[in-house]
């Protein structure tokens, strides 16, 4: 699947299906977008799609040995189920 197809069709459809659930939701994974790079159009589109659905990404530190944020923990903006995410992976420390 092309990145454009994912960002324009699959990701918004996935989110639209889950935001209708009345309970807390947590979406986790490794998306292989460098979410920390503000010049990365795909990463910014990925994150930007969250806000209209009332969602937020909680991981804001490197999760990859090369210093990029690739992993996600996403909840509703109004949710308190996740309050803080701390990355503790020895592989990140032992370059």
Protein backbone atom coordinates (compact mmCIF):
# COMPACT_ATOMS: atom_id res chain seq x y z
CA UNK A 1 0.00 0.00 0.00
CA UNK A 2 1.25 3.45 -0.84
CA UNK A 3 1.77 5.95 1.97
CA UNK A 4 -0.63 8.37 0.29
CA UNK A 5 -3.39 5.73 0.21
CA UNK A 6 -2.80 4.95 3.86
CA UNK A 7 -2.85 8.59 4.97
CA UNK A 8 -5.80 9.66 2.81
CA UNK A 9 -8.02 6.59 3.12
CA UNK A 10 -7.00 3.82 5.52
CA UNK A 11 -5.87 5.83 8.56
CA UNK A 12 -8.86 8.24 8.59
CA UNK A 13 -11.28 5.33 8.08
CA UNK A 14 -9.66 3.38 10.90
CA UNK A 15 -9.87 6.38 13.24
CA UNK A 16 -13.46 7.20 12.26
CA UNK A 17 -14.52 3.67 13.22
CA UNK A 18 -12.87 3.84 16.63
CA UNK A 19 -13.89 7.32 17.74
CA UNK A 20 -17.54 6.23 17.67
CA UNK A 21 -16.86 3.79 20.52
CA UNK A 22 -18.11 5.42 23.74
CA UNK A 23 -15.36 3.89 25.94
CA UNK A 24 -11.73 4.89 26.36
CA UNK A 25 -9.56 3.83 23.47
CA UNK A 26 -5.81 3.32 23.24
CA UNK A 27 -4.12 2.83 19.88
CA UNK A 28 -0.51 1.63 20.03
CA UNK A 29 2.02 0.62 17.43
CA UNK A 30 5.14 1.24 15.42
CA UNK A 31 4.19 3.33 12.41
CA UNK A 32 7.64 3.81 10.84
CA UNK A 33 7.07 7.52 10.35
CA UNK A 34 9.69 9.80 11.91
CA UNK A 35 7.10 11.64 14.00
CA UNK A 36 9.74 13.90 15.53
CA UNK A 37 10.77 15.48 12.22
CA UNK A 38 8.69 18.59 11.58
CA UNK A 39 9.75 18.67 7.89
CA UNK A 40 8.47 15.13 7.25
CA UNK A 41 5.21 15.71 5.38
CA UNK A 42 3.92 12.18 5.89
CA UNK A 43 4.62 12.22 9.62
CA UNK A 44 2.91 15.58 10.01
CA UNK A 45 -0.11 14.39 8.00
CA UNK A 46 -0.29 11.27 10.18
CA UNK A 47 -0.33 13.36 13.37
CA UNK A 48 -2.53 16.09 11.86
CA UNK A 49 -5.29 13.58 11.13
CA UNK A 50 -5.62 12.87 14.87
CA UNK A 51 -6.86 16.31 15.92
CA UNK A 52 -10.15 16.40 13.98
CA UNK A 53 -11.01 13.08 15.62
CA UNK A 54 -10.26 14.40 19.10
CA UNK A 55 -7.18 12.21 19.53
CA UNK A 56 -3.64 12.83 20.69
CA UNK A 57 -0.26 11.10 20.43
CA UNK A 58 1.49 10.68 23.79
CA UNK A 59 4.97 9.51 22.77
CA UNK A 60 7.26 12.50 22.37
CA UNK A 61 10.73 11.09 22.82
CA UNK A 62 12.91 8.80 20.70
CA UNK A 63 11.82 5.16 20.41
CA UNK A 64 14.42 4.12 17.83
CA UNK A 65 18.17 3.65 18.10
CA UNK A 66 18.72 6.42 15.54
CA UNK A 67 16.90 8.91 17.74
CA UNK A 68 13.52 9.10 16.03
CA UNK A 69 10.01 8.73 17.39
CA UNK A 70 8.39 5.85 15.51
CA UNK A 71 6.03 4.43 18.12
CA UNK A 72 2.56 5.66 18.99
CA UNK A 73 0.30 5.67 22.02
CA UNK A 74 -2.87 7.47 21.02
CA UNK A 75 -5.93 8.27 23.15
CA UNK A 76 -8.79 10.73 23.10
CA UNK A 77 -7.84 14.29 24.06
CA UNK A 78 -10.32 14.07 26.93
CA UNK A 79 -9.08 10.72 28.23
CA UNK A 80 -7.04 10.31 31.40
CA UNK A 81 -6.26 6.63 30.81
CA UNK A 82 -2.72 7.62 29.70
CA UNK A 83 -1.14 10.56 31.46
CA UNK A 84 2.55 10.12 30.75
CA UNK A 85 4.63 7.91 28.50
CA UNK A 86 8.24 7.26 29.38
CA UNK A 87 10.44 5.38 26.95
CA UNK A 88 12.79 3.00 28.75
CA UNK A 89 14.52 0.79 26.23
CA UNK A 90 18.14 -0.19 26.85
CA UNK A 91 18.67 -0.40 23.08
CA UNK A 92 18.15 3.36 22.89
CA UNK A 93 20.75 4.05 25.53
CA UNK A 94 23.45 1.68 24.27
CA UNK A 95 24.28 3.23 20.90
